[in-house]
Amino acid sequence: AAAAAAAALLLQVPSKEQVKGVTEDLRRRSVTPPHIQRLLEALPADTHPMTQLVTLVAAMQTESEFARAYASGVHKSRYWEPYYEDTMNLLARLPAIAAMIYRRSYAGGNYIAPDPQLDWAGNLAHMMGYDDKNALELMRLYQTIHR
């Protein structure tokens, strides 16, 4: 997974194996802590979606690898390691969080579980309630060019 991330940073097209590795890594990391949905549901229903996002992302600090490493006295030269882990965890969890916010704000709060057969962007579309093949492809394209 780190090799594919490095390839992306270096503007190299990753191999199929690297893409598969990143996809599996993101899938493994994608489970949101249980308190995230409870916190979302505790917010007023008319809270702006971006406020909901900021609140939920901040609430995941309880799971922070960096916070644990920093508290245990990790040397500055190794900060990047837990920081990388936190970054990958956040990236992996964003589709579920964004979809929960979308479903709560615009679709009556009926959440949709992820599909383990879909990739990161495809799962975002699925959890938002869009399962048409074209919707999945559109979300993949949007996530590729929106970064």
Protein backbone atom coordinates (compact mmCIF):
# COMPACT_ATOMS: atom_id res chain seq x y z
CA ALA A 1 0.00 0.00 0.00
CA ALA A 2 2.81 2.39 0.80
CA ALA A 3 4.39 1.66 -2.59
CA ALA A 4 1.19 2.65 -4.41
CA ALA A 5 0.90 5.80 -2.32
CA ALA A 6 4.49 6.68 -3.18
CA ALA A 7 3.81 6.00 -6.87
CA ALA A 8 0.83 8.35 -6.76
CA LEU A 9 2.94 11.06 -5.15
CA LEU A 10 5.59 10.61 -7.81
CA LEU A 11 2.92 10.81 -10.54
CA GLN A 12 3.56 7.26 -11.70
CA VAL A 13 0.72 4.98 -12.73
CA PRO A 14 0.56 2.22 -10.09
CA SER A 15 0.54 -1.43 -11.12
CA LYS A 16 -2.62 -3.55 -10.81
CA GLU A 17 -1.06 -5.25 -7.78
CA GLN A 18 -0.41 -1.89 -6.12
CA VAL A 19 -3.98 -0.74 -6.81
CA LYS A 20 -5.34 -3.98 -5.36
CA GLY A 21 -3.13 -3.55 -2.30
CA VAL A 22 -4.34 0.00 -1.66
CA THR A 23 -7.96 -1.05 -2.18
CA GLU A 24 -7.61 -3.88 0.33
CA ASP A 25 -5.79 -1.62 2.79
CA LEU A 26 -8.54 1.01 2.59
CA ARG A 27 -11.22 -1.66 2.98
CA ARG A 28 -9.48 -3.02 6.08
CA ARG A 29 -9.27 0.44 7.62
CA SER A 30 -12.78 1.61 6.66
CA VAL A 31 -14.73 0.67 9.78
CA THR A 32 -15.76 3.80 11.67
CA PRO A 33 -15.68 3.84 15.47
CA PRO A 34 -19.15 3.21 16.98
CA HIS A 35 -19.31 6.63 18.61
CA ILE A 36 -19.22 8.35 15.22
CA GLN A 37 -22.78 7.41 14.24
CA ARG A 38 -24.03 8.19 17.75
CA LEU A 39 -22.38 11.62 17.60
CA LEU A 40 -23.85 12.32 14.17
CA GLU A 41 -27.34 11.46 15.39
CA ALA A 42 -26.86 13.68 18.44
CA LEU A 43 -26.31 16.76 16.25
CA PRO A 44 -29.34 18.88 15.36
CA ALA A 45 -30.90 17.61 12.12
CA ASP A 46 -30.42 20.95 10.40
CA THR A 47 -26.66 21.12 11.09
CA HIS A 48 -24.82 22.01 7.89
CA PRO A 49 -23.21 18.92 6.29
CA MET A 50 -19.72 20.44 6.43
CA THR A 51 -20.14 21.13 10.14
CA GLN A 52 -21.19 17.51 10.58
CA LEU A 53 -18.09 16.38 8.66
CA VAL A 54 -15.70 18.51 10.70
CA THR A 55 -17.30 17.30 13.93
CA LEU A 56 -17.05 13.62 13.00
CA VAL A 57 -13.48 13.87 11.72
CA ALA A 58 -12.40 15.61 14.92
CA ALA A 59 -14.19 12.96 16.99
CA MET A 60 -12.04 10.24 15.42
CA GLN A 61 -9.06 11.64 17.34
CA THR A 62 -9.89 8.97 19.92
CA GLU A 63 -8.52 6.44 17.41
CA SER A 64 -5.43 8.44 16.46
CA GLU A 65 -2.21 6.49 16.03
CA PHE A 66 -0.30 9.77 16.12
CA ALA A 67 -1.87 10.81 19.44
CA ARG A 68 -0.90 7.46 20.97
CA ALA A 69 2.64 7.62 19.60
CA TYR A 70 3.11 11.23 20.69
CA ALA A 71 1.85 10.44 24.19
CA SER A 72 4.31 7.55 24.40
CA GLY A 73 7.21 9.83 23.44
CA VAL A 74 7.92 8.84 19.85
CA HIS A 75 10.91 10.65 18.40
CA LYS A 76 10.19 13.49 15.94
CA SER A 77 12.00 11.64 13.17
CA ARG A 78 9.29 8.94 13.37
CA TYR A 79 6.23 11.23 13.47
CA TRP A 80 5.54 10.43 9.83
CA GLU A 81 4.74 6.78 10.59
CA PRO A 82 1.69 7.30 12.85
CA TYR A 83 0.75 10.37 10.80
CA TYR A 84 0.64 8.16 7.69
CA GLU A 85 -1.53 5.64 9.54
CA ASP A 86 -3.97 8.37 10.64
CA THR A 87 -4.11 9.74 7.10
CA MET A 88 -4.87 6.35 5.59
CA ASN A 89 -7.46 5.62 8.30
CA LEU A 90 -9.19 8.93 7.62
CA LEU A 91 -9.16 8.39 3.85
CA ALA A 92 -10.60 4.91 4.31
CA ARG A 93 -13.39 6.11 6.60
CA LEU A 94 -14.41 9.21 4.66
CA PRO A 95 -16.81 7.42 2.28
CA ALA A 96 -18.80 5.94 5.16
CA ILE A 97 -18.83 9.24 7.05
CA ALA A 98 -19.78 11.28 3.98
CA ALA A 99 -22.51 8.80 3.07
CA MET A 100 -23.93 8.83 6.62
CA ILE A 101 -24.06 12.62 6.53
CA TYR A 102 -25.66 12.59 3.08
CA ARG A 103 -28.26 9.97 4.04
CA ARG A 104 -29.08 11.80 7.28
CA SER A 105 -29.30 15.22 5.63
CA TYR A 106 -31.02 14.31 2.36
CA ALA A 107 -32.41 10.75 2.54
CA GLY A 108 -34.21 10.37 5.86
CA GLY A 109 -31.31 8.89 7.83
CA ASN A 110 -31.56 5.36 6.44
CA TYR A 111 -27.91 4.31 6.33
CA ILE A 112 -26.63 1.79 3.79
CA ALA A 113 -23.88 -0.67 4.70
CA PRO A 114 -20.77 -0.82 2.50
CA ASP A 115 -20.44 -3.49 -0.17
CA PRO A 116 -17.15 -5.38 0.28
CA GLN A 117 -17.03 -6.06 -3.47
CA LEU A 118 -16.82 -2.35 -4.36
CA ASP A 119 -13.81 -0.07 -4.36
CA TRP A 120 -13.45 3.14 -2.34
CA ALA A 121 -15.32 5.50 -4.69
CA GLY A 122 -17.85 2.87 -5.75
CA ASN A 123 -18.73 2.28 -2.12
CA LEU A 124 -19.29 5.98 -1.57
CA ALA A 125 -21.87 6.02 -4.37
CA HIS A 126 -23.45 2.79 -3.07
CA MET A 127 -23.71 4.02 0.53
CA MET A 128 -25.23 7.27 -0.72
CA GLY A 129 -27.92 5.17 -2.40
CA TYR A 130 -26.71 5.19 -6.00
CA ASP A 131 -26.09 1.68 -7.32
CA ASP A 132 -26.47 2.25 -11.04
CA LYS A 133 -23.27 1.25 -12.87
CA ASN A 134 -23.03 4.72 -14.39
CA ALA A 135 -23.34 6.34 -10.96
CA LEU A 136 -20.48 4.21 -9.65
CA GLU A 137 -18.30 5.14 -12.62
CA LEU A 138 -19.22 8.81 -12.28
CA MET A 139 -18.21 8.76 -8.60
CA ARG A 140 -14.91 7.10 -9.48
CA LEU A 141 -14.23 9.76 -12.10
CA TYR A 142 -15.28 12.57 -9.75
CA GLN A 143 -13.04 11.29 -6.95
CA THR A 144 -10.13 11.01 -9.38
CA ILE A 145 -10.33 14.57 -10.70
CA HIS A 146 -11.64 16.29 -7.55
CA ARG A 147 -8.50 15.77 -5.47
